[in-house]
Structure formats: structure tokens, C-alpha cells
N, C-alpha and C. Protein backbone atom coordinates (compact mmCIF):
# COMPACT_ATOMS: atom_id res chain seq x y z
N MET A 1 40.50 -91.05 -8.26
CA MET A 1 41.45 -90.63 -9.28
C MET A 1 42.35 -89.54 -8.70
N ASN A 2 43.61 -89.59 -9.04
CA ASN A 2 44.49 -88.54 -8.54
C ASN A 2 44.40 -87.30 -9.43
N LEU A 3 44.95 -86.22 -8.95
CA LEU A 3 44.82 -84.93 -9.62
C LEU A 3 45.42 -84.93 -11.02
N SER A 4 46.56 -85.58 -11.21
CA SER A 4 47.19 -85.57 -12.54
C SER A 4 46.33 -86.32 -13.57
N ARG A 5 45.68 -87.40 -13.17
CA ARG A 5 44.81 -88.12 -14.10
C ARG A 5 43.59 -87.28 -14.46
N CYS A 6 43.05 -86.60 -13.47
CA CYS A 6 41.89 -85.72 -13.74
C CYS A 6 42.29 -84.60 -14.70
N ALA A 7 43.46 -84.02 -14.48
CA ALA A 7 43.94 -82.93 -15.34
C ALA A 7 44.16 -83.44 -16.77
N LEU A 8 44.75 -84.62 -16.90
CA LEU A 8 44.99 -85.19 -18.23
C LEU A 8 43.65 -85.47 -18.94
N PHE A 9 42.70 -86.03 -18.22
CA PHE A 9 41.39 -86.30 -18.80
C PHE A 9 40.74 -85.01 -19.28
N LEU A 10 40.79 -83.97 -18.45
CA LEU A 10 40.20 -82.69 -18.82
C LEU A 10 40.89 -82.09 -20.04
N LEU A 11 42.22 -82.17 -20.09
CA LEU A 11 42.96 -81.67 -21.24
C LEU A 11 42.56 -82.40 -22.52
N LEU A 12 42.49 -83.73 -22.45
CA LEU A 12 42.09 -84.51 -23.64
C LEU A 12 40.67 -84.17 -24.06
N LEU A 13 39.80 -83.97 -23.10
CA LEU A 13 38.43 -83.61 -23.41
C LEU A 13 38.35 -82.25 -24.11
N LEU A 14 39.10 -81.28 -23.60
CA LEU A 14 39.11 -79.95 -24.21
C LEU A 14 39.74 -79.98 -25.60
N LEU A 15 40.83 -80.71 -25.74
CA LEU A 15 41.48 -80.81 -27.06
C LEU A 15 40.56 -81.51 -28.06
N SER A 16 39.85 -82.50 -27.59
CA SER A 16 38.92 -83.20 -28.47
C SER A 16 37.81 -82.28 -28.95
N ALA A 17 37.28 -81.47 -28.06
CA ALA A 17 36.22 -80.54 -28.44
C ALA A 17 36.73 -79.52 -29.46
N ALA A 18 37.97 -79.10 -29.30
CA ALA A 18 38.54 -78.12 -30.22
C ALA A 18 38.95 -78.76 -31.55
N ALA A 19 39.16 -80.07 -31.55
CA ALA A 19 39.65 -80.75 -32.75
C ALA A 19 38.69 -80.62 -33.93
N ALA A 20 37.42 -80.58 -33.65
CA ALA A 20 36.44 -80.48 -34.74
C ALA A 20 36.60 -79.17 -35.50
N ALA A 21 37.10 -78.14 -34.84
CA ALA A 21 37.25 -76.84 -35.47
C ALA A 21 38.64 -76.64 -36.08
N LEU A 22 39.55 -77.56 -35.86
CA LEU A 22 40.93 -77.41 -36.33
C LEU A 22 41.21 -78.31 -37.52
N ASP A 23 42.02 -77.82 -38.43
CA ASP A 23 42.52 -78.66 -39.50
C ASP A 23 43.72 -79.43 -38.97
N ALA A 24 43.83 -80.67 -39.41
CA ALA A 24 44.99 -81.48 -39.00
C ALA A 24 46.25 -80.95 -39.68
N PRO A 25 47.38 -80.99 -38.99
CA PRO A 25 48.64 -80.58 -39.64
C PRO A 25 48.98 -81.51 -40.80
N ALA A 26 49.82 -81.07 -41.68
CA ALA A 26 50.25 -81.89 -42.82
C ALA A 26 50.81 -83.21 -42.31
N GLY A 27 50.39 -84.30 -42.93
CA GLY A 27 50.89 -85.62 -42.54
C GLY A 27 50.07 -86.30 -41.47
N TYR A 28 48.98 -85.65 -41.02
CA TYR A 28 48.13 -86.19 -39.97
C TYR A 28 46.67 -86.05 -40.37
N SER A 29 45.83 -86.85 -39.73
CA SER A 29 44.38 -86.71 -39.87
C SER A 29 43.76 -86.93 -38.50
N TRP A 30 42.55 -86.41 -38.33
CA TRP A 30 41.85 -86.59 -37.07
C TRP A 30 41.18 -87.95 -37.07
N GLN A 31 41.38 -88.72 -36.02
CA GLN A 31 40.73 -90.02 -35.85
C GLN A 31 39.72 -89.87 -34.71
N GLU A 32 38.44 -89.96 -35.08
CA GLU A 32 37.39 -89.84 -34.06
C GLU A 32 37.18 -91.17 -33.35
N PHE A 33 36.92 -91.08 -32.07
CA PHE A 33 36.59 -92.25 -31.26
C PHE A 33 35.34 -91.89 -30.48
N LYS A 34 34.21 -92.17 -31.10
CA LYS A 34 32.92 -91.73 -30.55
C LYS A 34 32.62 -92.31 -29.16
N PRO A 35 32.95 -93.59 -28.86
CA PRO A 35 32.65 -94.06 -27.51
C PRO A 35 33.36 -93.24 -26.42
N GLY A 36 34.55 -92.77 -26.72
CA GLY A 36 35.29 -91.96 -25.75
C GLY A 36 35.05 -90.47 -25.92
N LYS A 37 34.27 -90.11 -26.96
CA LYS A 37 33.97 -88.72 -27.26
C LYS A 37 35.24 -87.88 -27.41
N ILE A 38 36.21 -88.44 -28.15
CA ILE A 38 37.46 -87.73 -28.40
C ILE A 38 37.86 -87.87 -29.86
N ALA A 39 38.81 -87.06 -30.27
CA ALA A 39 39.46 -87.17 -31.57
C ALA A 39 40.95 -87.01 -31.34
N LEU A 40 41.73 -87.86 -31.94
CA LEU A 40 43.18 -87.84 -31.78
C LEU A 40 43.85 -87.68 -33.13
N LEU A 41 45.03 -87.08 -33.15
CA LEU A 41 45.78 -86.97 -34.40
C LEU A 41 46.43 -88.32 -34.71
N LYS A 42 46.22 -88.78 -35.96
CA LYS A 42 46.81 -90.03 -36.42
C LYS A 42 47.76 -89.72 -37.57
N PRO A 43 49.02 -90.14 -37.47
CA PRO A 43 49.94 -89.94 -38.59
C PRO A 43 49.44 -90.69 -39.82
N ASP A 44 49.58 -90.08 -40.98
CA ASP A 44 49.18 -90.73 -42.24
C ASP A 44 49.93 -92.04 -42.39
N GLY A 45 49.23 -93.07 -42.82
CA GLY A 45 49.84 -94.38 -43.02
C GLY A 45 49.83 -95.26 -41.79
N TRP A 46 49.43 -94.74 -40.64
CA TRP A 46 49.37 -95.54 -39.42
C TRP A 46 48.05 -96.28 -39.39
N HIS A 47 47.94 -97.22 -38.48
CA HIS A 47 46.78 -98.11 -38.41
C HIS A 47 45.93 -97.81 -37.18
N VAL A 48 44.63 -98.07 -37.33
CA VAL A 48 43.68 -97.85 -36.24
C VAL A 48 42.95 -99.15 -35.94
N LYS A 49 42.82 -99.45 -34.67
CA LYS A 49 42.03 -100.61 -34.25
C LYS A 49 41.18 -100.18 -33.07
N THR A 50 39.92 -100.54 -33.10
CA THR A 50 39.06 -100.30 -31.95
C THR A 50 38.65 -101.65 -31.39
N GLU A 51 38.41 -101.67 -30.10
CA GLU A 51 38.08 -102.92 -29.43
C GLU A 51 37.13 -102.64 -28.28
N SER A 52 36.23 -103.54 -28.06
CA SER A 52 35.31 -103.47 -26.93
C SER A 52 35.38 -104.78 -26.18
N ARG A 53 35.69 -104.71 -24.88
CA ARG A 53 35.79 -105.92 -24.09
C ARG A 53 35.29 -105.65 -22.67
N ASN A 54 34.33 -106.42 -22.25
CA ASN A 54 33.78 -106.30 -20.89
C ASN A 54 33.37 -104.87 -20.55
N GLY A 55 32.74 -104.20 -21.52
CA GLY A 55 32.26 -102.84 -21.29
C GLY A 55 33.31 -101.76 -21.43
N THR A 56 34.54 -102.13 -21.74
CA THR A 56 35.61 -101.15 -21.92
C THR A 56 35.86 -100.94 -23.40
N GLN A 57 35.85 -99.69 -23.83
CA GLN A 57 36.12 -99.34 -25.23
C GLN A 57 37.58 -98.91 -25.33
N ALA A 58 38.26 -99.34 -26.38
CA ALA A 58 39.67 -98.99 -26.56
C ALA A 58 39.93 -98.59 -28.01
N LEU A 59 40.84 -97.65 -28.19
CA LEU A 59 41.29 -97.21 -29.50
C LEU A 59 42.80 -97.32 -29.53
N PHE A 60 43.32 -97.97 -30.54
CA PHE A 60 44.77 -98.12 -30.70
C PHE A 60 45.17 -97.44 -32.00
N ILE A 61 46.16 -96.57 -31.96
CA ILE A 61 46.75 -95.97 -33.15
C ILE A 61 48.20 -96.40 -33.15
N THR A 62 48.57 -97.22 -34.14
CA THR A 62 49.89 -97.83 -34.14
C THR A 62 50.56 -97.72 -35.51
N GLN A 63 51.86 -97.73 -35.50
CA GLN A 63 52.62 -97.69 -36.74
C GLN A 63 52.52 -99.03 -37.46
N GLU A 64 52.51 -100.10 -36.71
CA GLU A 64 52.38 -101.45 -37.27
C GLU A 64 50.94 -101.92 -37.11
N PRO A 65 50.43 -102.71 -38.05
CA PRO A 65 49.10 -103.27 -37.83
C PRO A 65 49.12 -104.23 -36.64
N ILE A 66 48.05 -104.22 -35.88
CA ILE A 66 47.94 -105.15 -34.75
C ILE A 66 47.34 -106.44 -35.28
N GLY A 67 48.08 -107.53 -35.13
CA GLY A 67 47.64 -108.81 -35.65
C GLY A 67 46.69 -109.53 -34.70
N PRO A 68 46.30 -110.73 -35.08
CA PRO A 68 45.45 -111.53 -34.23
C PRO A 68 46.11 -111.75 -32.86
N GLY A 69 45.32 -111.70 -31.83
CA GLY A 69 45.86 -111.87 -30.49
C GLY A 69 46.48 -110.60 -29.94
N GLY A 70 46.37 -109.49 -30.69
CA GLY A 70 46.90 -108.21 -30.21
C GLY A 70 48.40 -108.10 -30.28
N LYS A 71 49.03 -108.79 -31.20
CA LYS A 71 50.50 -108.77 -31.29
C LYS A 71 50.98 -107.90 -32.44
N PHE A 72 52.14 -107.28 -32.22
CA PHE A 72 52.82 -106.49 -33.24
C PHE A 72 53.83 -107.39 -33.94
N SER A 73 54.21 -107.00 -35.17
CA SER A 73 55.18 -107.82 -35.89
C SER A 73 56.61 -107.49 -35.49
N ARG A 74 56.83 -106.35 -34.80
CA ARG A 74 58.19 -106.04 -34.33
C ARG A 74 58.10 -105.23 -33.04
N ALA A 75 59.19 -105.18 -32.33
CA ALA A 75 59.23 -104.50 -31.04
C ALA A 75 59.34 -102.99 -31.24
N CYS A 76 59.09 -102.24 -30.19
CA CYS A 76 59.24 -100.79 -30.24
C CYS A 76 60.69 -100.42 -30.44
N ARG A 77 60.89 -99.29 -31.06
CA ARG A 77 62.26 -98.82 -31.29
C ARG A 77 62.64 -97.83 -30.23
């Protein structure tokens, strides 16, 4: 792993640990992802999907619901 990826991972880990003690800002809520041992801010009204494939755990936070086959109903803006 290169240094920037390690730094990003460490930052996310530290932010996740602190998230339990912080209130989410207005319009957001904390979305826990236990397999990754993290919590991320999710805008209110957005959608969450978790997936496990070949031993890899994934969390998706999206404005649009993810349909069957992993497709969005519209492109990014």
C-alpha cells in the first residue's frame, strides 16, 4: 500500500472511532458499517446498500436507490 492510502485508512479509522461520541450535523445521520468497523455520515433521505461478495464487504451510500444488477436510474450530475 502506498503512503496516501495508509494515511486515508488511518484518518477514516480515527474519524470512525470519534463518530460514536459526536452528534451528526443537521440533515445527516451516522451510518454504521460493522464489517469495516467504521461509521460514515449519510445525508437524510439517501439510500444505503451493503453487499458481500467473495469475502469483500461493501457499503454504498447513494442519492438514488441502487437497483437490481447494481444500476442507478440516472447518471451522476
